[in-house]
C-alpha atoms as a PDB file:
ATOM      1  CA  UNK A   1      44.279  38.086  42.859  1.00  0.00           C
ATOM      2  CA  UNK A   2      40.619  37.800  42.125  1.00  0.00           C
ATOM      3  CA  UNK A   3      39.128  36.494  38.910  1.00  0.00           C
ATOM      4  CA  UNK A   4      36.548  38.758  37.423  1.00  0.00           C
ATOM      5  CA  UNK A   5      34.722  37.497  34.363  1.00  0.00           C
ATOM      6  CA  UNK A   6      35.336  39.576  31.301  1.00  0.00           C
ATOM      7  CA  UNK A   7      32.433  41.341  29.636  1.00  0.00           C
ATOM      8  CA  UNK A   8      30.949  39.279  26.788  1.00  0.00           C
ATOM      9  CA  UNK A   9      32.047  40.417  23.366  1.00  0.00           C
ATOM     10  CA  UNK A  10      30.698  39.398  19.929  1.00  0.00           C
ATOM     11  CA  UNK A  11      27.857  37.106  18.987  1.00  0.00           C
ATOM     12  CA  UNK A  12      26.492  34.428  21.317  1.00  0.00           C
ATOM     13  CA  UNK A  13      23.991  31.706  20.359  1.00  0.00           C
ATOM     14  CA  UNK A  14      20.944  31.952  22.541  1.00  0.00           C
ATOM     15  CA  UNK A  15      17.887  29.756  22.820  1.00  0.00           C
ATOM     16  CA  UNK A  16      15.747  31.791  20.483  1.00  0.00           C
ATOM     17  CA  UNK A  17      18.464  31.562  17.771  1.00  0.00           C
ATOM     18  CA  UNK A  18      18.265  27.764  17.913  1.00  0.00           C
ATOM     19  CA  UNK A  19      14.465  27.871  17.808  1.00  0.00           C
ATOM     20  CA  UNK A  20      14.514  30.220  14.810  1.00  0.00           C
ATOM     21  CA  UNK A  21      17.040  28.005  12.952  1.00  0.00           C
ATOM     22  CA  UNK A  22      15.087  24.783  13.519  1.00  0.00           C
ATOM     23  CA  UNK A  23      11.809  26.492  12.579  1.00  0.00           C
ATOM     24  CA  UNK A  24      13.343  27.937   9.395  1.00  0.00           C
ATOM     25  CA  UNK A  25      14.792  24.536   8.432  1.00  0.00           C
ATOM     26  CA  UNK A  26      11.450  22.752   8.745  1.00  0.00           C
ATOM     27  CA  UNK A  27       9.634  25.626   7.009  1.00  0.00           C
ATOM     28  CA  UNK A  28      11.937  25.209   3.986  1.00  0.00           C
ATOM     29  CA  UNK A  29      11.495  21.417   3.950  1.00  0.00           C
ATOM     30  CA  UNK A  30       7.695  21.673   4.200  1.00  0.00           C
ATOM     31  CA  UNK A  31       7.621  24.396   1.541  1.00  0.00           C
ATOM     32  CA  UNK A  32       9.690  22.335  -0.910  1.00  0.00           C
ATOM     33  CA  UNK A  33       7.574  19.212  -0.258  1.00  0.00           C
ATOM     34  CA  UNK A  34       4.347  21.154  -0.794  1.00  0.00           C
ATOM     35  CA  UNK A  35       5.699  22.658  -4.028  1.00  0.00           C
ATOM     36  CA  UNK A  36       6.704  19.232  -5.373  1.00  0.00           C
ATOM     37  CA  UNK A  37       3.309  17.774  -4.413  1.00  0.00           C
ATOM     38  CA  UNK A  38       1.452  20.553  -6.250  1.00  0.00           C
ATOM     39  CA  UNK A  39       3.643  20.151  -9.342  1.00  0.00           C
ATOM     40  CA  UNK A  40       3.159  16.358  -9.289  1.00  0.00           C
ATOM     41  CA  UNK A  41      -0.637  16.598  -9.076  1.00  0.00           C
ATOM     42  CA  UNK A  42      -0.808  19.229 -11.816  1.00  0.00           C
ATOM     43  CA  UNK A  43       1.314  17.189 -14.227  1.00  0.00           C
ATOM     44  CA  UNK A  44      -0.279  13.793 -13.450  1.00  0.00           C
ATOM     45  CA  UNK A  45      -3.645  13.936 -11.675  1.00  0.00           C
ATOM     46  CA  UNK A  46      -3.727  10.145 -11.258  1.00  0.00           C
ATOM     47  CA  UNK A  47      -6.161   9.449 -14.067  1.00  0.00           C
ATOM     48  CA  UNK A  48      -4.649   6.719 -16.228  1.00  0.00           C
ATOM     49  CA  UNK A  49      -7.574   6.355 -18.602  1.00  0.00           C
ATOM     50  CA  UNK A  50     -10.557   8.475 -19.509  1.00  0.00           C
ATOM     51  CA  UNK A  51     -12.586   5.285 -20.057  1.00  0.00           C
ATOM     52  CA  UNK A  52     -11.711   2.981 -17.134  1.00  0.00           C
ATOM     53  CA  UNK A  53     -14.925   0.930 -17.299  1.00  0.00           C
ATOM     54  CA  UNK A  54     -14.522   0.193 -21.004  1.00  0.00           C
ATOM     55  CA  UNK A  55     -10.847  -0.631 -20.432  1.00  0.00           C
ATOM     56  CA  UNK A  56     -11.898  -3.126 -17.780  1.00  0.00           C
ATOM     57  CA  UNK A  57     -14.308  -4.794 -20.201  1.00  0.00           C
ATOM     58  CA  UNK A  58     -11.586  -5.028 -22.830  1.00  0.00           C
ATOM     59  CA  UNK A  59      -9.235  -6.528 -20.250  1.00  0.00           C
ATOM     60  CA  UNK A  60     -11.846  -9.151 -19.360  1.00  0.00           C
ATOM     61  CA  UNK A  61     -12.106 -10.045 -23.063  1.00  0.00           C
ATOM     62  CA  UNK A  62      -8.306 -10.254 -23.188  1.00  0.00           C
ATOM     63  CA  UNK A  63      -8.298 -12.710 -20.256  1.00  0.00           C
ATOM     64  CA  UNK A  64     -10.978 -14.820 -21.994  1.00  0.00           C
ATOM     65  CA  UNK A  65      -8.926 -14.763 -25.232  1.00  0.00           C
ATOM     66  CA  UNK A  66      -5.812 -15.956 -23.369  1.00  0.00           C
ATOM     67  CA  UNK A  67      -7.793 -18.795 -21.744  1.00  0.00           C
ATOM     68  CA  UNK A  68      -9.160 -19.889 -25.140  1.00  0.00           C
ATOM     69  CA  UNK A  69      -5.647 -19.682 -26.556  1.00  0.00           C
ATOM     70  CA  UNK A  70      -4.330 -21.949 -23.770  1.00  0.00           C
ATOM     71  CA  UNK A  71      -7.059 -24.496 -24.541  1.00  0.00           C
ATOM     72  CA  UNK A  72      -5.953 -24.602 -28.203  1.00  0.00           C
ATOM     73  CA  UNK A  73      -2.476 -25.699 -27.097  1.00  0.00           C
ATOM     74  CA  UNK A  74      -0.586 -23.872 -29.819  1.00  0.00           C
ATOM     75  CA  UNK A  75       2.946 -22.644 -29.173  1.00  0.00           C
ATOM     76  CA  UNK A  76       4.744 -19.946 -31.122  1.00  0.00           C
ATOM     77  CA  UNK A  77       8.356 -18.948 -31.580  1.00  0.00           C
ATOM     78  CA  UNK A  78       9.725 -15.797 -33.193  1.00  0.00           C
ATOM     79  CA  UNK A  79      13.146 -14.896 -34.557  1.00  0.00           C
ATOM     80  CA  UNK A  80      14.645 -11.716 -35.949  1.00  0.00           C
ATOM     81  CA  UNK A  81      16.464 -12.607 -39.160  1.00  0.00           C
ATOM     82  CA  UNK A  82      18.177 -10.205 -41.563  1.00  0.00           C
ATOM     83  CA  UNK A  83      15.402  -8.427 -43.450  1.00  0.00           C
ATOM     84  CA  UNK A  84      12.585 -10.574 -42.080  1.00  0.00           C
ATOM     85  CA  UNK A  85      10.687 -11.984 -39.124  1.00  0.00           C
ATOM     86  CA  UNK A  86      10.352 -15.756 -38.835  1.00  0.00           C
ATOM     87  CA  UNK A  87       7.539 -17.356 -36.834  1.00  0.00           C
ATOM     88  CA  UNK A  88       7.083 -21.017 -36.061  1.00  0.00           C
ATOM     89  CA  UNK A  89       3.860 -22.589 -34.818  1.00  0.00           C
ATOM     90  CA  UNK A  90       3.327 -26.039 -33.339  1.00  0.00           C
ATOM     91  CA  UNK A  91       0.309 -27.743 -31.819  1.00  0.00           C
ATOM     92  CA  UNK A  92       0.022 -29.355 -28.405  1.00  0.00           C
ATOM     93  CA  UNK A  93       1.830 -32.493 -29.628  1.00  0.00           C
ATOM     94  CA  UNK A  94       4.681 -30.485 -31.178  1.00  0.00           C
ATOM     95  CA  UNK A  95       3.532 -30.971 -34.786  1.00  0.00           C
ATOM     96  CA  UNK A  96       3.986 -27.988 -37.136  1.00  0.00           C
ATOM     97  CA  UNK A  97       0.824 -26.016 -37.916  1.00  0.00           C
ATOM     98  CA  UNK A  98       0.176 -25.369 -41.589  1.00  0.00           C
ATOM     99  CA  UNK A  99      -2.402 -23.200 -43.333  1.00  0.00           C
ATOM    100  CA  UNK A 100      -2.449 -20.362 -40.821  1.00  0.00           C
ATOM    101  CA  UNK A 101      -3.276 -16.827 -41.837  1.00  0.00           C
ATOM    102  CA  UNK A 102      -0.935 -14.568 -39.881  1.00  0.00           C
ATOM    103  CA  UNK A 103      -0.830 -10.795 -39.670  1.00  0.00           C
ATOM    104  CA  UNK A 104       1.370  -8.738 -37.445  1.00  0.00           C
ATOM    105  CA  UNK A 105       2.961  -5.443 -36.602  1.00  0.00           C
ATOM    106  CA  UNK A 106       6.328  -4.255 -35.373  1.00  0.00           C
ATOM    107  CA  UNK A 107       6.534  -1.230 -33.095  1.00  0.00           C
ATOM    108  CA  UNK A 108       9.328   0.469 -31.239  1.00  0.00           C
ATOM    109  CA  UNK A 109       9.109  -0.186 -27.487  1.00  0.00           C
ATOM    110  CA  UNK A 110       9.104   3.486 -26.495  1.00  0.00           C
ATOM    111  CA  UNK A 111       7.121   5.112 -29.299  1.00  0.00           C
ATOM    112  CA  UNK A 112       4.474   4.375 -31.889  1.00  0.00           C
ATOM    113  CA  UNK A 113       6.429   6.114 -34.634  1.00  0.00           C
ATOM    114  CA  UNK A 114       7.681   3.804 -37.344  1.00  0.00           C
ATOM    115  CA  UNK A 115       5.035   1.068 -37.011  1.00  0.00           C
ATOM    116  CA  UNK A 116       5.473  -1.683 -39.617  1.00  0.00           C
ATOM    117  CA  UNK A 117       2.535  -3.872 -40.667  1.00  0.00           C
ATOM    118  CA  UNK A 118       3.489  -7.439 -41.564  1.00  0.00           C
ATOM    119  CA  UNK A 119       1.928 -10.091 -43.773  1.00  0.00           C
ATOM    120  CA  UNK A 120       3.333 -13.567 -43.186  1.00  0.00           C
ATOM    121  CA  UNK A 121       3.750 -16.190 -45.898  1.00  0.00           C
ATOM    122  CA  UNK A 122       3.784 -19.945 -45.247  1.00  0.00           C
ATOM    123  CA  UNK A 123       7.344 -21.276 -45.712  1.00  0.00           C
ATOM    124  CA  UNK A 124       6.375 -24.862 -44.850  1.00  0.00           C
ATOM    125  CA  UNK A 125       6.762 -27.062 -41.774  1.00  0.00           C
ATOM    126  CA  UNK A 126       4.990 -24.572 -39.485  1.00  0.00           C
ATOM    127  CA  UNK A 127       7.346 -21.737 -40.399  1.00  0.00           C
ATOM    128  CA  UNK A 128       6.055 -18.353 -41.573  1.00  0.00           C
ATOM    129  CA  UNK A 129       8.106 -15.409 -42.906  1.00  0.00           C
ATOM    130  CA  UNK A 130       7.388 -11.691 -43.305  1.00  0.00           C
ATOM    131  CA  UNK A 131       9.686  -9.167 -44.924  1.00  0.00           C
ATOM    132  CA  UNK A 132      10.666  -6.223 -42.734  1.00  0.00           C
ATOM    133  CA  UNK A 133      13.289  -4.412 -44.750  1.00  0.00           C
ATOM    134  CA  UNK A 134      16.463  -3.285 -43.050  1.00  0.00           C
ATOM    135  CA  UNK A 135      15.900  -2.903 -39.303  1.00  0.00           C
ATOM    136  CA  UNK A 136      18.106  -2.356 -36.297  1.00  0.00           C
ATOM    137  CA  UNK A 137      17.520  -2.226 -32.572  1.00  0.00           C
ATOM    138  CA  UNK A 138      14.658  -3.511 -30.447  1.00  0.00           C
ATOM    139  CA  UNK A 139      11.133  -3.932 -31.815  1.00  0.00           C
ATOM    140  CA  UNK A 140       7.954  -5.326 -30.260  1.00  0.00           C
ATOM    141  CA  UNK A 141       6.190  -7.903 -32.432  1.00  0.00           C
ATOM    142  CA  UNK A 142       2.465  -8.587 -32.142  1.00  0.00           C
ATOM    143  CA  UNK A 143       1.311 -11.414 -34.423  1.00  0.00           C
ATOM    144  CA  UNK A 144      -2.196 -12.831 -34.775  1.00  0.00           C
ATOM    145  CA  UNK A 145      -2.637 -16.286 -36.312  1.00  0.00           C
ATOM    146  CA  UNK A 146      -5.957 -17.694 -37.439  1.00  0.00           C
ATOM    147  CA  UNK A 147      -6.380 -21.356 -38.195  1.00  0.00           C
ATOM    148  CA  UNK A 148      -8.413 -22.870 -41.038  1.00  0.00           C
ATOM    149  CA  UNK A 149     -10.965 -24.187 -38.517  1.00  0.00           C
ATOM    150  CA  UNK A 150     -11.179 -20.917 -36.580  1.00  0.00           C
ATOM    151  CA  UNK A 151      -9.589 -19.834 -33.383  1.00  0.00           C
ATOM    152  CA  UNK A 152      -7.113 -17.035 -32.959  1.00  0.00           C
ATOM    153  CA  UNK A 153      -3.685 -17.048 -31.380  1.00  0.00           C
ATOM    154  CA  UNK A 154      -1.946 -13.788 -30.421  1.00  0.00           C
ATOM    155  CA  UNK A 155       1.786 -13.816 -29.784  1.00  0.00           C
ATOM    156  CA  UNK A 156       3.814 -10.896 -28.463  1.00  0.00           C
ATOM    157  CA  UNK A 157       7.605 -10.912 -28.454  1.00  0.00           C
ATOM    158  CA  UNK A 158      10.464  -8.440 -28.291  1.00  0.00           C
ATOM    159  CA  UNK A 159      12.877  -8.927 -31.164  1.00  0.00           C
ATOM    160  CA  UNK A 160      16.276  -7.329 -31.628  1.00  0.00           C
ATOM    161  CA  UNK A 161      18.170  -6.776 -34.850  1.00  0.00           C
ATOM    162  CA  UNK A 162      21.873  -5.891 -34.847  1.00  0.00           C
END
């Protein structure tokens, strides 16, 4: 008995099928990548500020302010209390600072809606209080203290109310 191969029936994968499949796969990947790149550039062209030079000058002033603040030696603490913000200021030796004029603002971390301007009153022994009303959640505090002899101290803290 002799073995005679049977005639091929049905579909067979040939070399050009493999080439077409690999080419189609990479064409889809490149197409999707190109689409995402175009969408990304259209929605954010990379420009963070329309005034980068001026922003750099302001940043340099901010660095100089922080250096002057370090030379003053003041330290600040902030607490979220029911219905108010409490700040405490001490000098380099740990003595309470009295007679400061302090202004501040509370802002939500993710939005500028609901900004609250604060005016702090001296409560004695380096402690200053500002009424906030009923708050809940996280708030960013920026407080600026000015001493009777000059000098400014800026403190930034995140406070959380229950």
